[in-house]
Amino acid sequence: MRKVLFFIALGIAATIYLLQQLQWPIPQWINNYVNDFLILPLVLSICLVVVRKLKGDATLQLSLPLILAVTLFYCIYFEWYLPQHHPRYTGDWMDCLLYFLGSFLFYLFHKKNKITKY
């Protein structure tokens, strides 16, 4: 199920990016916010697959502090640093909120129920 959701999200993000590059008119909220919501679940999913392959452990999970650190990095880099150094980028607090919502969604979909033995 997670693989299907990953490819659906990837398809949506790629379609939006393609439409932007072709300068096709799309609603402003889609143009400005959907990919910001989808980017971290996609990036974190790819990171998880790579780390699992490198470690040879298919049960490995990304920790919540690591997910939050990556999300914070995206907020700082894309919403604070780049807008100061490149005219293409603009800082937007809504993007940060969407990064965190996307990361939270990733965390929920990948959280394993831990069974503790007494």
N, C-alpha and C. Protein backbone atom coordinates (compact mmCIF):
# COMPACT_ATOMS: atom_id res chain seq x y z
N MET A 1 0.81 -1.19 0.00
CA MET A 1 0.00 0.00 0.00
C MET A 1 0.86 1.26 0.00
N ARG A 2 1.97 1.23 0.80
CA ARG A 2 2.85 2.40 0.86
C ARG A 2 3.50 2.68 -0.48
N LYS A 3 3.85 1.61 -1.20
CA LYS A 3 4.46 1.80 -2.53
C LYS A 3 3.47 2.47 -3.48
N VAL A 4 2.23 2.05 -3.42
CA VAL A 4 1.20 2.64 -4.29
C VAL A 4 1.04 4.13 -3.96
N LEU A 5 0.96 4.45 -2.67
CA LEU A 5 0.84 5.86 -2.26
C LEU A 5 2.06 6.67 -2.68
N PHE A 6 3.25 6.07 -2.57
CA PHE A 6 4.47 6.75 -3.00
C PHE A 6 4.39 7.11 -4.48
N PHE A 7 4.01 6.15 -5.31
CA PHE A 7 3.96 6.41 -6.75
C PHE A 7 2.82 7.35 -7.15
N ILE A 8 1.73 7.33 -6.41
CA ILE A 8 0.66 8.30 -6.65
C ILE A 8 1.17 9.71 -6.32
N ALA A 9 1.81 9.86 -5.16
CA ALA A 9 2.36 11.16 -4.77
C ALA A 9 3.42 11.62 -5.76
N LEU A 10 4.28 10.71 -6.19
CA LEU A 10 5.32 11.04 -7.17
C LEU A 10 4.69 11.48 -8.48
N GLY A 11 3.64 10.79 -8.92
CA GLY A 11 2.95 11.15 -10.15
C GLY A 11 2.31 12.52 -10.06
N ILE A 12 1.68 12.81 -8.93
CA ILE A 12 1.06 14.13 -8.74
C ILE A 12 2.12 15.22 -8.76
N ALA A 13 3.21 15.02 -8.01
CA ALA A 13 4.27 16.02 -7.95
C ALA A 13 4.90 16.23 -9.32
N ALA A 14 5.17 15.15 -10.04
CA ALA A 14 5.78 15.27 -11.37
C ALA A 14 4.84 15.96 -12.35
N THR A 15 3.56 15.67 -12.26
CA THR A 15 2.58 16.32 -13.14
C THR A 15 2.52 17.82 -12.87
N ILE A 16 2.50 18.20 -11.60
CA ILE A 16 2.47 19.62 -11.26
C ILE A 16 3.74 20.31 -11.77
N TYR A 17 4.88 19.67 -11.57
CA TYR A 17 6.14 20.25 -12.03
C TYR A 17 6.14 20.40 -13.55
N LEU A 18 5.67 19.39 -14.26
CA LEU A 18 5.62 19.45 -15.72
C LEU A 18 4.69 20.57 -16.19
N LEU A 19 3.52 20.67 -15.57
CA LEU A 19 2.58 21.74 -15.92
C LEU A 19 3.18 23.12 -15.65
N GLN A 20 3.94 23.25 -14.56
CA GLN A 20 4.61 24.51 -14.27
C GLN A 20 5.65 24.84 -15.33
N GLN A 21 6.41 23.84 -15.74
CA GLN A 21 7.44 24.06 -16.76
C GLN A 21 6.83 24.42 -18.11
N LEU A 22 5.67 23.85 -18.40
CA LEU A 22 4.97 24.16 -19.65
C LEU A 22 4.14 25.44 -19.55
N GLN A 23 4.16 26.05 -18.36
CA GLN A 23 3.40 27.26 -18.07
C GLN A 23 1.90 27.08 -18.35
N TRP A 24 1.43 25.91 -18.04
CA TRP A 24 0.02 25.57 -18.16
C TRP A 24 -0.71 26.18 -16.97
N PRO A 25 -1.84 26.81 -17.17
CA PRO A 25 -2.53 27.41 -16.03
C PRO A 25 -3.10 26.34 -15.09
N ILE A 26 -2.70 26.43 -13.84
CA ILE A 26 -3.22 25.54 -12.81
C ILE A 26 -3.63 26.41 -11.62
N PRO A 27 -4.56 25.95 -10.81
CA PRO A 27 -4.99 26.76 -9.67
C PRO A 27 -3.79 27.14 -8.79
N GLN A 28 -3.86 28.33 -8.25
CA GLN A 28 -2.74 28.87 -7.48
C GLN A 28 -2.39 28.01 -6.28
N TRP A 29 -3.39 27.48 -5.58
CA TRP A 29 -3.10 26.66 -4.40
C TRP A 29 -2.38 25.37 -4.78
N ILE A 30 -2.68 24.83 -5.95
CA ILE A 30 -1.96 23.64 -6.42
C ILE A 30 -0.54 24.03 -6.80
N ASN A 31 -0.41 25.11 -7.54
CA ASN A 31 0.90 25.58 -7.99
C ASN A 31 1.83 25.90 -6.80
N ASN A 32 1.28 26.49 -5.75
CA ASN A 32 2.12 26.99 -4.66
C ASN A 32 2.29 26.03 -3.49
N TYR A 33 1.36 25.09 -3.30
CA TYR A 33 1.39 24.34 -2.04
C TYR A 33 1.41 22.82 -2.13
N VAL A 34 0.88 22.22 -3.16
CA VAL A 34 0.76 20.75 -3.17
C VAL A 34 2.13 20.07 -3.14
N ASN A 35 3.06 20.53 -3.96
CA ASN A 35 4.38 19.90 -3.97
C ASN A 35 5.13 20.12 -2.66
N ASP A 36 4.87 21.24 -1.99
CA ASP A 36 5.50 21.45 -0.68
C ASP A 36 4.99 20.43 0.33
N PHE A 37 3.75 20.04 0.22
CA PHE A 37 3.19 19.01 1.09
C PHE A 37 3.75 17.62 0.75
N LEU A 38 3.96 17.36 -0.53
CA LEU A 38 4.37 16.03 -0.97
C LEU A 38 5.88 15.78 -0.90
N ILE A 39 6.69 16.85 -0.91
CA ILE A 39 8.13 16.66 -1.08
C ILE A 39 8.76 15.85 0.05
N LEU A 40 8.44 16.13 1.29
CA LEU A 40 9.12 15.40 2.36
C LEU A 40 8.70 13.94 2.48
N PRO A 41 7.42 13.59 2.30
CA PRO A 41 7.13 12.15 2.26
C PRO A 41 7.89 11.43 1.14
N LEU A 42 8.04 12.10 0.00
CA LEU A 42 8.79 11.48 -1.11
C LEU A 42 10.27 11.36 -0.77
N VAL A 43 10.87 12.43 -0.30
CA VAL A 43 12.30 12.42 0.04
C VAL A 43 12.58 11.43 1.17
N LEU A 44 11.78 11.46 2.21
CA LEU A 44 12.00 10.54 3.33
C LEU A 44 11.79 9.09 2.92
N SER A 45 10.85 8.82 2.03
CA SER A 45 10.64 7.45 1.54
C SER A 45 11.85 6.96 0.76
N ILE A 46 12.39 7.82 -0.08
CA ILE A 46 13.59 7.45 -0.84
C ILE A 46 14.76 7.23 0.10
N CYS A 47 14.93 8.12 1.08
CA CYS A 47 16.00 7.95 2.08
C CYS A 47 15.85 6.63 2.83
N LEU A 48 14.64 6.30 3.21
CA LEU A 48 14.39 5.06 3.95
C LEU A 48 14.76 3.85 3.11
N VAL A 49 14.39 3.84 1.85
CA VAL A 49 14.73 2.71 0.96
C VAL A 49 16.24 2.59 0.82
N VAL A 50 16.92 3.72 0.61
CA VAL A 50 18.38 3.69 0.44
C VAL A 50 19.06 3.19 1.70
N VAL A 51 18.66 3.70 2.86
CA VAL A 51 19.29 3.28 4.12
C VAL A 51 19.01 1.80 4.38
N ARG A 52 17.82 1.35 4.10
CA ARG A 52 17.51 -0.08 4.28
C ARG A 52 18.39 -0.94 3.39
N LYS A 53 18.59 -0.52 2.15
CA LYS A 53 19.45 -1.29 1.22
C LYS A 53 20.89 -1.28 1.71
N LEU A 54 21.39 -0.10 2.12
CA LEU A 54 22.78 0.00 2.57
C LEU A 54 23.03 -0.81 3.84
N LYS A 55 22.08 -0.80 4.75
CA LYS A 55 22.22 -1.52 6.02
C LYS A 55 21.81 -2.99 5.91
N GLY A 56 21.09 -3.33 4.85
CA GLY A 56 20.62 -4.70 4.70
C GLY A 56 19.57 -5.07 5.73
N ASP A 57 18.78 -4.09 6.16
CA ASP A 57 17.77 -4.31 7.19
C ASP A 57 16.44 -3.74 6.71
N ALA A 58 15.55 -4.62 6.27
CA ALA A 58 14.27 -4.19 5.72
C ALA A 58 13.31 -3.68 6.78
N THR A 59 13.65 -3.86 8.06
CA THR A 59 12.77 -3.39 9.13
C THR A 59 13.20 -2.04 9.70
N LEU A 60 14.30 -1.53 9.23
CA LEU A 60 14.81 -0.26 9.75
C LEU A 60 13.79 0.86 9.55
N GLN A 61 13.68 1.73 10.54
CA GLN A 61 12.74 2.86 10.49
C GLN A 61 13.51 4.16 10.71
N LEU A 62 13.03 5.23 10.14
CA LEU A 62 13.60 6.54 10.42
C LEU A 62 12.99 7.04 11.73
N SER A 63 13.85 7.52 12.60
CA SER A 63 13.36 7.98 13.91
C SER A 63 12.66 9.33 13.78
N LEU A 64 11.80 9.61 14.72
CA LEU A 64 11.09 10.89 14.73
C LEU A 64 12.06 12.07 14.81
N PRO A 65 13.10 12.02 15.67
CA PRO A 65 14.05 13.14 15.68
C PRO A 65 14.74 13.36 14.32
N LEU A 66 15.06 12.28 13.62
CA LEU A 66 15.68 12.41 12.30
C LEU A 66 14.70 13.03 11.31
N ILE A 67 13.45 12.59 11.33
CA ILE A 67 12.42 13.15 10.44
C ILE A 67 12.24 14.64 10.72
N LEU A 68 12.19 15.01 12.00
CA LEU A 68 12.05 16.41 12.37
C LEU A 68 13.28 17.22 11.96
N ALA A 69 14.47 16.65 12.07
CA ALA A 69 15.70 17.35 11.68
C ALA A 69 15.72 17.61 10.17
N VAL A 70 15.33 16.64 9.38
CA VAL A 70 15.27 16.82 7.92
C VAL A 70 14.24 17.89 7.57
N THR A 71 13.11 17.85 8.24
CA THR A 71 12.06 18.84 7.99
C THR A 71 12.53 20.24 8.36
N LEU A 72 13.18 20.37 9.49
CA LEU A 72 13.71 21.66 9.91
C LEU A 72 14.77 22.16 8.92
N PHE A 73 15.61 21.25 8.44
CA PHE A 73 16.60 21.62 7.43
C PHE A 73 15.91 22.19 6.19
N TYR A 74 14.86 21.52 5.71
CA TYR A 74 14.12 22.02 4.54
C TYR A 74 13.55 23.41 4.81
N CYS A 75 13.00 23.60 5.99
CA CYS A 75 12.44 24.92 6.33
C CYS A 75 13.51 26.00 6.30
N ILE A 76 14.63 25.72 6.94
CA ILE A 76 15.69 26.71 7.00
C ILE A 76 16.29 26.95 5.62
N TYR A 77 16.60 25.90 4.90
CA TYR A 77 17.29 26.04 3.62
C TYR A 77 16.38 26.66 2.55
N PHE A 78 15.19 26.11 2.39
CA PHE A 78 14.34 26.55 1.29
C PHE A 78 13.49 27.78 1.60
N GLU A 79 13.22 28.02 2.87
CA GLU A 79 12.33 29.14 3.21
C GLU A 79 13.05 30.32 3.86
N TRP A 80 14.30 30.13 4.28
CA TRP A 80 15.05 31.24 4.85
C TRP A 80 16.32 31.53 4.06
N TYR A 81 17.19 30.52 3.89
CA TYR A 81 18.48 30.74 3.24
C TYR A 81 18.35 31.07 1.75
N LEU A 82 17.73 30.19 0.99
CA LEU A 82 17.64 30.41 -0.47
C LEU A 82 16.93 31.70 -0.86
N PRO A 83 15.84 32.09 -0.21
CA PRO A 83 15.22 33.37 -0.59
C PRO A 83 16.16 34.58 -0.44
N GLN A 84 17.13 34.47 0.44
CA GLN A 84 18.09 35.56 0.62
C GLN A 84 19.17 35.57 -0.46
N HIS A 85 19.38 34.44 -1.11
CA HIS A 85 20.51 34.30 -2.03
C HIS A 85 20.12 34.01 -3.48
N HIS A 86 18.85 33.79 -3.73
CA HIS A 86 18.43 33.47 -5.09
C HIS A 86 17.03 34.05 -5.32
N PRO A 87 16.87 34.84 -6.37
CA PRO A 87 15.57 35.51 -6.60
C PRO A 87 14.42 34.55 -6.95
N ARG A 88 14.73 33.33 -7.37
CA ARG A 88 13.68 32.38 -7.73
C ARG A 88 12.88 31.92 -6.51
N TYR A 89 13.51 31.98 -5.33
CA TYR A 89 12.89 31.44 -4.12
C TYR A 89 12.28 32.54 -3.27
N THR A 90 11.15 32.20 -2.66
CA THR A 90 10.50 33.12 -1.71
C THR A 90 10.25 32.36 -0.41
N GLY A 91 10.43 33.03 0.69
CA GLY A 91 10.18 32.42 1.98
C GLY A 91 8.69 32.48 2.30
N ASP A 92 8.13 31.39 2.79
CA ASP A 92 6.70 31.32 3.07
C ASP A 92 6.49 30.40 4.27
N TRP A 93 5.91 30.93 5.33
CA TRP A 93 5.68 30.12 6.53
C TRP A 93 4.70 28.99 6.24
N MET A 94 3.81 29.17 5.27
CA MET A 94 2.86 28.12 4.92
C MET A 94 3.60 26.90 4.36
N ASP A 95 4.67 27.14 3.61
CA ASP A 95 5.46 26.03 3.10
C ASP A 95 6.06 25.22 4.26
N CYS A 96 6.55 25.92 5.28
CA CYS A 96 7.09 25.22 6.45
C CYS A 96 6.02 24.36 7.12
N LEU A 97 4.83 24.90 7.25
CA LEU A 97 3.73 24.15 7.83
C LEU A 97 3.43 22.91 6.99
N LEU A 98 3.44 23.06 5.68
CA LEU A 98 3.18 21.93 4.79
C LEU A 98 4.31 20.90 4.84
N TYR A 99 5.56 21.36 4.98
CA TYR A 99 6.67 20.41 5.16
C TYR A 99 6.44 19.56 6.40
N PHE A 100 6.06 20.20 7.51
CA PHE A 100 5.83 19.45 8.75
C PHE A 100 4.61 18.53 8.64
N LEU A 101 3.56 18.97 7.98
CA LEU A 101 2.39 18.10 7.79
C LEU A 101 2.74 16.89 6.93
N GLY A 102 3.51 17.10 5.87
CA GLY A 102 3.95 15.99 5.03
C GLY A 102 4.82 15.02 5.80
N SER A 103 5.73 15.55 6.62
CA SER A 103 6.60 14.69 7.44
C SER A 103 5.79 13.90 8.45
N PHE A 104 4.80 14.57 9.05
CA PHE A 104 3.93 13.88 10.00
C PHE A 104 3.17 12.74 9.31
N LEU A 105 2.69 12.99 8.11
CA LEU A 105 2.01 11.95 7.34
C LEU A 105 2.96 10.78 7.07
N PHE A 106 4.20 11.08 6.68
CA PHE A 106 5.19 10.03 6.47
C PHE A 106 5.37 9.22 7.76
N TYR A 107 5.54 9.92 8.87
CA TYR A 107 5.75 9.26 10.16
C TYR A 107 4.58 8.33 10.49
N LEU A 108 3.36 8.80 10.29
CA LEU A 108 2.19 7.97 10.58
C LEU A 108 2.13 6.73 9.71
N PHE A 109 2.45 6.87 8.43
CA PHE A 109 2.38 5.72 7.52
C PHE A 109 3.50 4.72 7.76
N HIS A 110 4.60 5.16 8.34
CA HIS A 110 5.74 4.26 8.51
C HIS A 110 5.97 3.85 9.95
N LYS A 111 5.14 4.33 10.85
CA LYS A 111 5.29 3.98 12.25
C LYS A 111 4.88 2.52 12.45
N LYS A 112 5.73 1.80 13.10
CA LYS A 112 5.43 0.40 13.42
C LYS A 112 4.94 0.32 14.85
N ASN A 113 3.95 -0.53 15.06
CA ASN A 113 3.52 -0.76 16.44
C ASN A 113 4.55 -1.65 17.10
N LYS A 114 5.18 -1.13 18.15
CA LYS A 114 6.20 -1.91 18.85
C LYS A 114 5.53 -2.76 19.93
N ILE A 115 5.86 -4.01 19.92
CA ILE A 115 5.33 -4.93 20.93
C ILE A 115 6.45 -5.15 21.95
N THR A 116 6.18 -4.80 23.17
CA THR A 116 7.19 -4.98 24.22
C THR A 116 6.90 -6.28 24.96
N LYS A 117 7.96 -6.99 25.24
CA LYS A 117 7.83 -8.24 25.99
C LYS A 117 8.19 -7.96 27.44
N TYR A 118 7.40 -8.50 28.35
CA TYR A 118 7.65 -8.30 29.77
C TYR A 118 8.38 -9.46 30.35
